[in-house]
Amino acid sequence: MNINAIYQDSDLEQLQRCTLCPRECGVNRLIGATGVCGTGAGFSVASVCIHRGEEPPVSGPNGICNIFFTGCNLKCVFCQNHEISQPDFRVSRQDYSLEELLDQIQEILSEGINAVGFVTPSHVVPQVKAIVKGLHQRGLQPVTVYNTNGYDKPETLRSLADIIDVYLPDMKYITREMSSRYSGAADYPVVALRALKEMYWQKGSVLQLDSEGRAEYGLMIRHLVLPGHVDESIKVLKTIADELSTGVHISLMSQFNPVFMADKYPEINRLLVKEEYDMVAREMERLGFRNGWTQDTVSNLCYRPDFTRDHPFEH
């Protein structure tokens, strides 16, 4: 793979001394070095598939073409994608050439899919840019969705302003103690809020939909309610209301599963109960949020992927 022909000069400089994400590891990914995320400068992808499990405006009637990158800049102990997100990669990854990846995406788009989602992309922004550029060169203009854990640098997000249509970030925590304990990033609340403000500045609070209800432009914020931590979830919602707007779209998720290393943390080593979720949902309404989605409390049965399969979400 001719790296110099794929990436812009500014992205090559970033990869040579990587400061793409808030970790700012400084490693030279062009020569194969890896930082916290565990990935180099290539296209390391675990799955390219049609995914119908997203929020209705993201999936649309036919689903979205999601690209699941390997690696992650967070260390969430309950990560549902832990098979591909952690440096030991329990599922063997595939290193694509750009053209191979574009071929797979184009095949899926030809099935009536109109959107491409980049899942866990904070550490692979140059790759995201190269993929979008390659699709445009093939005459394809899908809606692009940046599906992120929220641990992003505002300056990196600014470089995406013209190529990302929809931001789909998490806002996981608002206290240092929880973000340190469960994701290994004490600064997550401050960093994620700055990232959300940048996304909000770029897109505003109005989610633009097409005639079939599919998102074309805007921002949707996800929050996963953790068992035993109703107060934290309420603080997250209050922060979004105070710092951004109650007009933003919120996806309040109940799909927590005690997977990966959750058994080492007794307070979250169980499923969320309906009463906990309902308390947070009521507070969301009380705060004045008027756009978004809630989940059934049995949703934990629906969203657990298996990346040993060709399609990780079809069991």
C-alpha atoms as a PDB file:
ATOM      1  CA  MET A   1       0.000   0.000   0.000  1.00  0.00           C
ATOM      2  CA  ASN A   2       1.417   3.364  -1.067  1.00  0.00           C
ATOM      3  CA  ILE A   3       0.742   5.385   2.065  1.00  0.00           C
ATOM      4  CA  ASN A   4       1.903   8.650   0.504  1.00  0.00           C
ATOM      5  CA  ALA A   5      -0.657   8.340  -2.290  1.00  0.00           C
ATOM      6  CA  ILE A   6      -3.545   7.679   0.096  1.00  0.00           C
ATOM      7  CA  TYR A   7      -3.174  10.255   2.845  1.00  0.00           C
ATOM      8  CA  GLN A   8      -2.928  14.028   2.817  1.00  0.00           C
ATOM      9  CA  ASP A   9       0.354  15.551   3.975  1.00  0.00           C
ATOM     10  CA  SER A  10      -1.212  16.783   7.209  1.00  0.00           C
ATOM     11  CA  ASP A  11      -2.513  13.295   7.983  1.00  0.00           C
ATOM     12  CA  LEU A  12       0.875  11.738   7.251  1.00  0.00           C
ATOM     13  CA  GLU A  13       2.418  14.156   9.740  1.00  0.00           C
ATOM     14  CA  GLN A  14      -0.183  13.145  12.331  1.00  0.00           C
ATOM     15  CA  LEU A  15       0.458   9.449  11.797  1.00  0.00           C
ATOM     16  CA  GLN A  16       4.223   9.939  11.985  1.00  0.00           C
ATOM     17  CA  ARG A  17       3.886  11.350  15.496  1.00  0.00           C
ATOM     18  CA  CYS A  18       0.358  10.442  16.414  1.00  0.00           C
ATOM     19  CA  THR A  19      -1.668  13.040  18.277  1.00  0.00           C
ATOM     20  CA  LEU A  20      -4.978  12.320  16.563  1.00  0.00           C
ATOM     21  CA  CYS A  21      -6.867  11.565  19.750  1.00  0.00           C
ATOM     22  CA  PRO A  22      -6.632  12.896  23.327  1.00  0.00           C
ATOM     23  CA  ARG A  23      -4.145  10.172  24.288  1.00  0.00           C
ATOM     24  CA  GLU A  24      -1.481  11.897  22.159  1.00  0.00           C
ATOM     25  CA  CYS A  25       0.773   8.828  22.286  1.00  0.00           C
ATOM     26  CA  GLY A  26       3.249  10.346  19.832  1.00  0.00           C
ATOM     27  CA  VAL A  27       4.139   7.006  18.198  1.00  0.00           C
ATOM     28  CA  ASN A  28       5.160   6.671  14.553  1.00  0.00           C
ATOM     29  CA  ARG A  29       2.330   4.613  13.085  1.00  0.00           C
ATOM     30  CA  LEU A  30       3.861   4.834   9.608  1.00  0.00           C
ATOM     31  CA  ILE A  31       6.524   2.328  10.659  1.00  0.00           C
ATOM     32  CA  GLY A  32       4.113   0.038  12.475  1.00  0.00           C
ATOM     33  CA  ALA A  33       4.314   1.462  15.978  1.00  0.00           C
ATOM     34  CA  THR A  34       1.052   1.431  17.912  1.00  0.00           C
ATOM     35  CA  GLY A  35      -0.116   3.445  20.878  1.00  0.00           C
ATOM     36  CA  VAL A  36      -3.064   2.925  23.201  1.00  0.00           C
ATOM     37  CA  CYS A  37      -5.362   2.083  20.286  1.00  0.00           C
ATOM     38  CA  GLY A  38      -3.123  -0.755  19.098  1.00  0.00           C
ATOM     39  CA  THR A  39      -3.395   0.049  15.391  1.00  0.00           C
ATOM     40  CA  GLY A  40      -0.987   1.227  12.734  1.00  0.00           C
ATOM     41  CA  ALA A  41      -1.452   3.345   9.614  1.00  0.00           C
ATOM     42  CA  GLY A  42      -3.350   0.834   7.480  1.00  0.00           C
ATOM     43  CA  PHE A  43      -7.002  -0.112   7.116  1.00  0.00           C
ATOM     44  CA  SER A  44      -7.482  -2.543   9.983  1.00  0.00           C
ATOM     45  CA  VAL A  45     -11.152  -3.510   9.858  1.00  0.00           C
ATOM     46  CA  ALA A  46     -13.052  -6.259  11.675  1.00  0.00           C
ATOM     47  CA  SER A  47     -16.283  -6.098   9.686  1.00  0.00           C
ATOM     48  CA  VAL A  48     -18.019  -4.257   6.856  1.00  0.00           C
ATOM     49  CA  CYS A  49     -21.702  -5.088   7.048  1.00  0.00           C
ATOM     50  CA  ILE A  50     -25.284  -3.900   6.850  1.00  0.00           C
ATOM     51  CA  HIS A  51     -26.372  -2.975  10.361  1.00  0.00           C
ATOM     52  CA  ARG A  52     -30.009  -2.467  11.277  1.00  0.00           C
ATOM     53  CA  GLY A  53     -29.549  -2.023  15.010  1.00  0.00           C
ATOM     54  CA  GLU A  54     -28.911   1.705  15.094  1.00  0.00           C
ATOM     55  CA  GLU A  55     -31.309   4.550  15.856  1.00  0.00           C
ATOM     56  CA  PRO A  56     -34.153   4.635  13.280  1.00  0.00           C
ATOM     57  CA  PRO A  57     -32.878   7.729  11.401  1.00  0.00           C
ATOM     58  CA  VAL A  58     -29.406   6.182  11.176  1.00  0.00           C
ATOM     59  CA  SER A  59     -30.449   2.737  10.005  1.00  0.00           C
ATOM     60  CA  GLY A  60     -33.342   3.893   7.864  1.00  0.00           C
ATOM     61  CA  PRO A  61     -35.605   1.293   6.269  1.00  0.00           C
ATOM     62  CA  ASN A  62     -32.710  -0.708   4.787  1.00  0.00           C
ATOM     63  CA  GLY A  63     -29.906  -0.365   7.326  1.00  0.00           C
ATOM     64  CA  ILE A  64     -26.533   1.338   7.204  1.00  0.00           C
ATOM     65  CA  CYS A  65     -23.191   0.124   5.851  1.00  0.00           C
ATOM     66  CA  ASN A  66     -21.095   0.093   9.024  1.00  0.00           C
ATOM     67  CA  ILE A  67     -17.318  -0.180   9.009  1.00  0.00           C
ATOM     68  CA  PHE A  68     -16.101  -1.612  12.320  1.00  0.00           C
ATOM     69  CA  PHE A  69     -12.484  -0.578  12.805  1.00  0.00           C
ATOM     70  CA  THR A  70     -10.263  -2.515  15.173  1.00  0.00           C
ATOM     71  CA  GLY A  71      -8.705  -0.858  18.183  1.00  0.00           C
ATOM     72  CA  CYS A  72      -9.969   1.907  20.432  1.00  0.00           C
ATOM     73  CA  ASN A  73      -8.581   4.793  22.447  1.00  0.00           C
ATOM     74  CA  LEU A  74     -10.696   3.883  25.486  1.00  0.00           C
ATOM     75  CA  LYS A  75     -10.434   0.828  27.750  1.00  0.00           C
ATOM     76  CA  CYS A  76     -14.069   0.293  28.721  1.00  0.00           C
ATOM     77  CA  VAL A  77     -14.308  -2.716  31.001  1.00  0.00           C
ATOM     78  CA  PHE A  78     -17.825  -3.511  29.697  1.00  0.00           C
ATOM     79  CA  CYS A  79     -17.112  -3.001  25.985  1.00  0.00           C
ATOM     80  CA  GLN A  80     -19.555  -5.007  23.859  1.00  0.00           C
ATOM     81  CA  ASN A  81     -17.042  -4.866  20.990  1.00  0.00           C
ATOM     82  CA  HIS A  82     -14.143  -6.061  23.128  1.00  0.00           C
ATOM     83  CA  GLU A  83     -13.358  -8.843  20.639  1.00  0.00           C
ATOM     84  CA  ILE A  84     -12.053  -6.195  18.224  1.00  0.00           C
ATOM     85  CA  SER A  85     -11.441  -3.094  20.342  1.00  0.00           C
ATOM     86  CA  GLN A  86      -8.612  -4.218  22.620  1.00  0.00           C
ATOM     87  CA  PRO A  87      -4.965  -4.593  21.546  1.00  0.00           C
ATOM     88  CA  ASP A  88      -4.951  -8.386  21.902  1.00  0.00           C
ATOM     89  CA  PHE A  89      -7.777  -8.584  19.313  1.00  0.00           C
ATOM     90  CA  ARG A  90      -9.543 -11.800  20.261  1.00  0.00           C
ATOM     91  CA  VAL A  91     -10.937 -11.970  16.734  1.00  0.00           C
ATOM     92  CA  SER A  92      -8.400 -11.915  13.920  1.00  0.00           C
ATOM     93  CA  ARG A  93      -8.534  -8.621  12.084  1.00  0.00           C
ATOM     94  CA  GLN A  94      -8.166  -8.048   8.373  1.00  0.00           C
ATOM     95  CA  ASP A  95      -5.847  -5.470   6.889  1.00  0.00           C
ATOM     96  CA  TYR A  96      -7.495  -4.216   3.729  1.00  0.00           C
ATOM     97  CA  SER A  97      -6.103  -2.208   0.889  1.00  0.00           C
ATOM     98  CA  LEU A  98      -8.120   0.938   0.303  1.00  0.00           C
ATOM     99  CA  GLU A  99      -9.479  -0.447  -2.981  1.00  0.00           C
ATOM    100  CA  GLU A 100     -10.575  -3.714  -1.352  1.00  0.00           C
ATOM    101  CA  LEU A 101     -12.419  -1.781   1.308  1.00  0.00           C
ATOM    102  CA  LEU A 102     -14.057   0.519  -1.222  1.00  0.00           C
ATOM    103  CA  ASP A 103     -15.178  -2.505  -3.255  1.00  0.00           C
ATOM    104  CA  GLN A 104     -16.967  -3.989  -0.241  1.00  0.00           C
ATOM    105  CA  ILE A 105     -18.614  -0.691   0.668  1.00  0.00           C
ATOM    106  CA  GLN A 106     -19.729  -0.094  -2.904  1.00  0.00           C
ATOM    107  CA  GLU A 107     -21.282  -3.556  -3.104  1.00  0.00           C
ATOM    108  CA  ILE A 108     -23.347  -2.866   0.022  1.00  0.00           C
ATOM    109  CA  LEU A 109     -24.395   0.591  -1.172  1.00  0.00           C
ATOM    110  CA  SER A 110     -25.637  -0.997  -4.404  1.00  0.00           C
ATOM    111  CA  GLU A 111     -28.253  -2.875  -2.323  1.00  0.00           C
ATOM    112  CA  GLY A 112     -30.194   0.302  -1.624  1.00  0.00           C
ATOM    113  CA  ILE A 113     -28.186   1.505   1.379  1.00  0.00           C
ATOM    114  CA  ASN A 114     -27.588   5.252   1.419  1.00  0.00           C
ATOM    115  CA  ALA A 115     -25.305   5.720   4.458  1.00  0.00           C
ATOM    116  CA  VAL A 116     -21.835   4.660   5.590  1.00  0.00           C
ATOM    117  CA  GLY A 117     -21.044   4.547   9.303  1.00  0.00           C
ATOM    118  CA  PHE A 118     -17.531   4.727  10.723  1.00  0.00           C
ATOM    119  CA  VAL A 119     -17.598   2.881  14.058  1.00  0.00           C
ATOM    120  CA  THR A 120     -14.971   3.738  16.693  1.00  0.00           C
ATOM    121  CA  PRO A 121     -13.094   6.076  14.343  1.00  0.00           C
ATOM    122  CA  SER A 122     -11.317   8.474  16.720  1.00  0.00           C
ATOM    123  CA  HIS A 123      -7.916   6.850  16.146  1.00  0.00           C
ATOM    124  CA  VAL A 124      -8.337   6.312  12.382  1.00  0.00           C
ATOM    125  CA  VAL A 125      -9.437   9.729  11.113  1.00  0.00           C
ATOM    126  CA  PRO A 126      -6.928   9.721   8.193  1.00  0.00           C
ATOM    127  CA  GLN A 127      -8.398   6.377   7.110  1.00  0.00           C
ATOM    128  CA  VAL A 128     -11.924   7.807   7.329  1.00  0.00           C
ATOM    129  CA  LYS A 129     -10.921  10.733   5.116  1.00  0.00           C
ATOM    130  CA  ALA A 130      -9.296   8.417   2.581  1.00  0.00           C
ATOM    131  CA  ILE A 131     -12.397   6.198   2.408  1.00  0.00           C
ATOM    132  CA  VAL A 132     -14.752   9.144   1.870  1.00  0.00           C
ATOM    133  CA  LYS A 133     -12.454  10.594  -0.787  1.00  0.00           C
ATOM    134  CA  GLY A 134     -12.275   7.209  -2.517  1.00  0.00           C
ATOM    135  CA  LEU A 135     -16.065   6.857  -2.530  1.00  0.00           C
ATOM    136  CA  HIS A 136     -16.456  10.332  -4.002  1.00  0.00           C
ATOM    137  CA  GLN A 137     -13.946   9.495  -6.713  1.00  0.00           C
ATOM    138  CA  ARG A 138     -16.163   6.531  -7.624  1.00  0.00           C
ATOM    139  CA  GLY A 139     -19.143   8.846  -7.940  1.00  0.00           C
ATOM    140  CA  LEU A 140     -20.711   7.724  -4.643  1.00  0.00           C
ATOM    141  CA  GLN A 141     -22.105  10.276  -2.204  1.00  0.00           C
ATOM    142  CA  PRO A 142     -23.493   8.342   0.781  1.00  0.00           C
ATOM    143  CA  VAL A 143     -24.477  10.026   4.016  1.00  0.00           C
ATOM    144  CA  THR A 144     -21.477   9.685   6.325  1.00  0.00           C
ATOM    145  CA  VAL A 145     -21.955   8.896  10.027  1.00  0.00           C
ATOM    146  CA  TYR A 146     -19.186   9.336  12.612  1.00  0.00           C
ATOM    147  CA  ASN A 147     -20.101   6.813  15.336  1.00  0.00           C
ATOM    148  CA  THR A 148     -17.711   7.611  18.170  1.00  0.00           C
ATOM    149  CA  ASN A 149     -17.145   6.987  21.872  1.00  0.00           C
ATOM    150  CA  GLY A 150     -16.865  10.765  22.318  1.00  0.00           C
ATOM    151  CA  TYR A 151     -13.174  10.739  23.255  1.00  0.00           C
ATOM    152  CA  ASP A 152     -12.198  13.054  20.399  1.00  0.00           C
ATOM    153  CA  LYS A 153     -10.108  16.193  20.004  1.00  0.00           C
ATOM    154  CA  PRO A 154     -11.998  19.253  18.720  1.00  0.00           C
ATOM    155  CA  GLU A 155      -9.226  20.105  16.266  1.00  0.00           C
ATOM    156  CA  THR A 156      -9.413  16.604  14.781  1.00  0.00           C
ATOM    157  CA  LEU A 157     -13.180  16.947  14.467  1.00  0.00           C
ATOM    158  CA  ARG A 158     -12.759  20.290  12.701  1.00  0.00           C
ATOM    159  CA  SER A 159     -10.789  18.510   9.987  1.00  0.00           C
ATOM    160  CA  LEU A 160     -13.912  16.377   9.361  1.00  0.00           C
ATOM    161  CA  ALA A 161     -16.413  19.238   9.136  1.00  0.00           C
ATOM    162  CA  ASP A 162     -16.775  19.034   5.349  1.00  0.00           C
ATOM    163  CA  ILE A 163     -16.896  15.240   5.007  1.00  0.00           C
ATOM    164  CA  ILE A 164     -19.011  13.998   7.951  1.00  0.00           C
ATOM    165  CA  ASP A 165     -22.750  14.542   7.671  1.00  0.00           C
ATOM    166  CA  VAL A 166     -24.001  13.052  10.941  1.00  0.00           C
ATOM    167  CA  TYR A 167     -22.225  12.838  14.281  1.00  0.00           C
ATOM    168  CA  LEU A 168     -23.295   9.963  16.550  1.00  0.00           C
ATOM    169  CA  PRO A 169     -21.189  10.361  19.724  1.00  0.00           C
ATOM    170  CA  ASP A 170     -21.442   8.793  23.157  1.00  0.00           C
ATOM    171  CA  MET A 171     -21.517  10.823  26.328  1.00  0.00           C
ATOM    172  CA  LYS A 172     -20.618   8.072  28.781  1.00  0.00           C
ATOM    173  CA  TYR A 173     -19.812   9.822  32.065  1.00  0.00           C
ATOM    174  CA  ILE A 174     -19.615  13.188  33.736  1.00  0.00           C
ATOM    175  CA  THR A 175     -17.396  12.321  36.737  1.00  0.00           C
ATOM    176  CA  ARG A 176     -13.669  11.609  36.689  1.00  0.00           C
ATOM    177  CA  GLU A 177     -14.020   8.709  39.105  1.00  0.00           C
ATOM    178  CA  MET A 178     -16.331   6.714  36.857  1.00  0.00           C
ATOM    179  CA  SER A 179     -14.514   7.473  33.619  1.00  0.00           C
ATOM    180  CA  SER A 180     -11.214   6.490  35.205  1.00  0.00           C
ATOM    181  CA  ARG A 181     -12.578   3.308  36.784  1.00  0.00           C
ATOM    182  CA  TYR A 182     -14.523   2.000  33.808  1.00  0.00           C
ATOM    183  CA  SER A 183     -12.732   3.448  30.758  1.00  0.00           C
ATOM    184  CA  GLY A 184      -9.203   4.266  31.881  1.00  0.00           C
ATOM    185  CA  ALA A 185      -9.559   7.952  31.004  1.00  0.00           C
ATOM    186  CA  ALA A 186     -10.070  10.314  33.927  1.00  0.00           C
ATOM    187  CA  ASP A 187     -10.290  13.295  31.579  1.00  0.00           C
ATOM    188  CA  TYR A 188     -13.128  11.783  29.533  1.00  0.00           C
ATOM    189  CA  PRO A 189     -15.878  14.109  30.878  1.00  0.00           C
ATOM    190  CA  VAL A 190     -13.965  17.272  29.975  1.00  0.00           C
ATOM    191  CA  VAL A 191     -12.730  15.935  26.642  1.00  0.00           C
ATOM    192  CA  ALA A 192     -16.081  14.524  25.560  1.00  0.00           C
ATOM    193  CA  LEU A 193     -17.937  17.715  26.430  1.00  0.00           C
ATOM    194  CA  ARG A 194     -15.497  19.751  24.333  1.00  0.00           C
ATOM    195  CA  ALA A 195     -15.986  17.296  21.483  1.00  0.00           C
ATOM    196  CA  LEU A 196     -19.776  17.525  21.761  1.00  0.00           C
ATOM    197  CA  LYS A 197     -19.596  21.305  21.678  1.00  0.00           C
ATOM    198  CA  GLU A 198     -17.526  21.164  18.492  1.00  0.00           C
ATOM    199  CA  MET A 199     -20.005  18.781  16.889  1.00  0.00           C
ATOM    200  CA  TYR A 200     -22.875  20.996  18.011  1.00  0.00           C
ATOM    201  CA  TRP A 201     -21.118  24.060  16.604  1.00  0.00           C
ATOM    202  CA  GLN A 202     -20.737  22.293  13.259  1.00  0.00           C
ATOM    203  CA  LYS A 203     -24.230  20.768  12.999  1.00  0.00           C
ATOM    204  CA  GLY A 204     -26.545  22.567  15.422  1.00  0.00           C
ATOM    205  CA  SER A 205     -29.480  20.878  17.154  1.00  0.00           C
ATOM    206  CA  VAL A 206     -31.754  20.261  14.159  1.00  0.00           C
ATOM    207  CA  LEU A 207     -31.492  16.740  12.742  1.00  0.00           C
ATOM    208  CA  GLN A 208     -32.304  16.957   9.044  1.00  0.00           C
ATOM    209  CA  LEU A 209     -34.189  13.952   7.635  1.00  0.00           C
ATOM    210  CA  ASP A 210     -35.034  12.895   4.104  1.00  0.00           C
ATOM    211  CA  SER A 211     -38.504  11.925   2.897  1.00  0.00           C
ATOM    212  CA  GLU A 212     -38.073   8.393   4.306  1.00  0.00           C
ATOM    213  CA  GLY A 213     -36.992   9.576   7.756  1.00  0.00           C
ATOM    214  CA  ARG A 214     -33.282   8.936   7.280  1.00  0.00           C
ATOM    215  CA  ALA A 215     -30.786  11.324   8.844  1.00  0.00           C
ATOM    216  CA  GLU A 216     -28.947  13.452   6.301  1.00  0.00           C
ATOM    217  CA  TYR A 217     -27.241  16.023   8.528  1.00  0.00           C
ATOM    218  CA  GLY A 218     -26.952  16.695  12.227  1.00  0.00           C
ATOM    219  CA  LEU A 219     -26.077  15.393  15.680  1.00  0.00           C
ATOM    220  CA  MET A 220     -27.410  12.568  17.860  1.00  0.00           C
ATOM    221  CA  ILE A 221     -25.955  11.897  21.317  1.00  0.00           C
ATOM    222  CA  ARG A 222     -25.990   8.439  22.864  1.00  0.00           C
ATOM    223  CA  HIS A 223     -25.936   7.626  26.548  1.00  0.00           C
ATOM    224  CA  LEU A 224     -25.851   4.111  27.981  1.00  0.00           C
ATOM    225  CA  VAL A 225     -27.381   3.807  31.448  1.00  0.00           C
ATOM    226  CA  LEU A 226     -25.175   1.656  33.692  1.00  0.00           C
ATOM    227  CA  PRO A 227     -26.645  -0.494  36.455  1.00  0.00           C
ATOM    228  CA  GLY A 228     -26.351   1.122  39.855  1.00  0.00           C
ATOM    229  CA  HIS A 229     -25.491   4.528  38.402  1.00  0.00           C
ATOM    230  CA  VAL A 230     -28.771   6.342  37.852  1.00  0.00           C
ATOM    231  CA  ASP A 231     -27.347   9.520  39.422  1.00  0.00           C
ATOM    232  CA  GLU A 232     -24.485   9.575  36.921  1.00  0.00           C
ATOM    233  CA  SER A 233     -26.874   9.286  33.983  1.00  0.00           C
ATOM    234  CA  ILE A 234     -29.005  12.120  35.312  1.00  0.00           C
ATOM    235  CA  LYS A 235     -25.891  14.285  35.686  1.00  0.00           C
ATOM    236  CA  VAL A 236     -24.937  13.517  32.071  1.00  0.00           C
ATOM    237  CA  LEU A 237     -28.360  14.611  30.830  1.00  0.00           C
ATOM    238  CA  LYS A 238     -28.287  17.785  32.945  1.00  0.00           C
ATOM    239  CA  THR A 239     -24.868  18.655  31.543  1.00  0.00           C
ATOM    240  CA  ILE A 240     -26.059  18.237  27.965  1.00  0.00           C
ATOM    241  CA  ALA A 241     -29.121  20.368  28.734  1.00  0.00           C
ATOM    242  CA  ASP A 242     -27.048  23.107  30.370  1.00  0.00           C
ATOM    243  CA  GLU A 243     -24.028  23.121  28.062  1.00  0.00           C
ATOM    244  CA  LEU A 244     -25.651  22.362  24.688  1.00  0.00           C
ATOM    245  CA  SER A 245     -29.424  22.306  24.289  1.00  0.00           C
ATOM    246  CA  THR A 246     -32.515  20.312  25.168  1.00  0.00           C
ATOM    247  CA  GLY A 247     -33.250  20.366  21.444  1.00  0.00           C
ATOM    248  CA  VAL A 248     -30.508  17.875  20.570  1.00  0.00           C
ATOM    249  CA  HIS A 249     -31.522  14.302  19.807  1.00  0.00           C
ATOM    250  CA  ILE A 250     -30.762  11.894  22.642  1.00  0.00           C
ATOM    251  CA  SER A 251     -30.584   8.126  22.319  1.00  0.00           C
ATOM    252  CA  LEU A 252     -31.048   6.782  25.847  1.00  0.00           C
ATOM    253  CA  MET A 253     -29.853   3.201  25.827  1.00  0.00           C
ATOM    254  CA  SER A 254     -30.742   0.360  28.178  1.00  0.00           C
ATOM    255  CA  GLN A 255     -28.765  -2.360  26.375  1.00  0.00           C
ATOM    256  CA  PHE A 256     -25.994  -2.814  28.958  1.00  0.00           C
ATOM    257  CA  ASN A 257     -24.554  -6.322  29.143  1.00  0.00           C
ATOM    258  CA  PRO A 258     -21.992  -7.311  31.810  1.00  0.00           C
ATOM    259  CA  VAL A 259     -19.456  -8.569  29.268  1.00  0.00           C
ATOM    260  CA  PHE A 260     -15.671  -8.497  28.945  1.00  0.00           C
ATOM    261  CA  MET A 261     -14.222  -7.547  32.355  1.00  0.00           C
ATOM    262  CA  ALA A 262     -17.452  -6.413  34.028  1.00  0.00           C
ATOM    263  CA  ASP A 263     -17.301  -9.423  36.341  1.00  0.00           C
ATOM    264  CA  LYS A 264     -14.346  -7.765  38.087  1.00  0.00           C
ATOM    265  CA  TYR A 265     -16.568  -4.812  39.038  1.00  0.00           C
ATOM    266  CA  PRO A 266     -19.387  -6.195  41.224  1.00  0.00           C
ATOM    267  CA  GLU A 267     -21.447  -3.006  41.122  1.00  0.00           C
ATOM    268  CA  ILE A 268     -21.994  -3.325  37.341  1.00  0.00           C
ATOM    269  CA  ASN A 269     -21.852  -7.097  37.042  1.00  0.00           C
ATOM    270  CA  ARG A 270     -25.567  -7.393  36.355  1.00  0.00           C
ATOM    271  CA  LEU A 271     -28.229  -6.258  33.921  1.00  0.00           C
ATOM    272  CA  LEU A 272     -29.940  -2.908  34.169  1.00  0.00           C
ATOM    273  CA  VAL A 273     -33.369  -3.142  35.772  1.00  0.00           C
ATOM    274  CA  LYS A 274     -36.437  -1.390  34.418  1.00  0.00           C
ATOM    275  CA  GLU A 275     -36.868   0.851  37.448  1.00  0.00           C
ATOM    276  CA  GLU A 276     -33.381   2.296  36.999  1.00  0.00           C
ATOM    277  CA  TYR A 277     -33.887   3.017  33.333  1.00  0.00           C
ATOM    278  CA  ASP A 278     -37.340   4.513  33.892  1.00  0.00           C
ATOM    279  CA  MET A 279     -35.940   6.946  36.464  1.00  0.00           C
ATOM    280  CA  VAL A 280     -33.453   8.280  33.914  1.00  0.00           C
ATOM    281  CA  ALA A 281     -36.060   8.406  31.146  1.00  0.00           C
ATOM    282  CA  ARG A 282     -38.389  10.432  33.367  1.00  0.00           C
ATOM    283  CA  GLU A 283     -35.596  12.863  34.179  1.00  0.00           C
ATOM    284  CA  MET A 284     -34.840  13.254  30.475  1.00  0.00           C
ATOM    285  CA  GLU A 285     -38.457  14.274  29.939  1.00  0.00           C
ATOM    286  CA  ARG A 286     -38.467  16.554  32.981  1.00  0.00           C
ATOM    287  CA  LEU A 287     -35.359  18.356  31.750  1.00  0.00           C
ATOM    288  CA  GLY A 288     -37.203  19.208  28.553  1.00  0.00           C
ATOM    289  CA  PHE A 289     -35.490  17.014  25.990  1.00  0.00           C
ATOM    290  CA  ARG A 290     -37.989  16.782  23.154  1.00  0.00           C
ATOM    291  CA  ASN A 291     -36.165  14.742  20.528  1.00  0.00           C
ATOM    292  CA  GLY A 292     -34.765  11.251  20.664  1.00  0.00           C
ATOM    293  CA  TRP A 293     -35.348   7.613  21.465  1.00  0.00           C
ATOM    294  CA  THR A 294     -35.635   5.224  24.375  1.00  0.00           C
ATOM    295  CA  GLN A 295     -35.152   1.450  24.402  1.00  0.00           C
ATOM    296  CA  ASP A 296     -37.002  -1.497  25.860  1.00  0.00           C
ATOM    297  CA  THR A 297     -35.167  -2.882  28.872  1.00  0.00           C
ATOM    298  CA  VAL A 298     -34.857  -6.253  27.106  1.00  0.00           C
ATOM    299  CA  SER A 299     -32.715  -4.610  24.423  1.00  0.00           C
ATOM    300  CA  ASN A 300     -29.623  -6.188  25.954  1.00  0.00           C
ATOM    301  CA  LEU A 301     -30.691  -9.365  24.144  1.00  0.00           C
ATOM    302  CA  CYS A 302     -30.526  -7.687  20.728  1.00  0.00           C
ATOM    303  CA  TYR A 303     -27.286  -5.741  20.464  1.00  0.00           C
ATOM    304  CA  ARG A 304     -24.515  -8.094  21.516  1.00  0.00           C
ATOM    305  CA  PRO A 305     -22.268  -8.745  18.514  1.00  0.00           C
ATOM    306  CA  ASP A 306     -20.230 -11.827  17.683  1.00  0.00           C
ATOM    307  CA  PHE A 307     -17.298 -10.810  15.522  1.00  0.00           C
ATOM    308  CA  THR A 308     -16.344 -14.407  14.819  1.00  0.00           C
ATOM    309  CA  ARG A 309     -19.255 -14.432  12.356  1.00  0.00           C
ATOM    310  CA  ASP A 310     -19.311 -12.926   8.888  1.00  0.00           C
ATOM    311  CA  HIS A 311     -22.159 -10.740  10.090  1.00  0.00           C
ATOM    312  CA  PRO A 312     -21.617  -9.987  13.795  1.00  0.00           C
ATOM    313  CA  PHE A 313     -25.215  -8.927  14.483  1.00  0.00           C
ATOM    314  CA  GLU A 314     -27.089 -11.763  12.831  1.00  0.00           C
ATOM    315  CA  HIS A 315     -27.077 -14.796  15.139  1.00  0.00           C
END
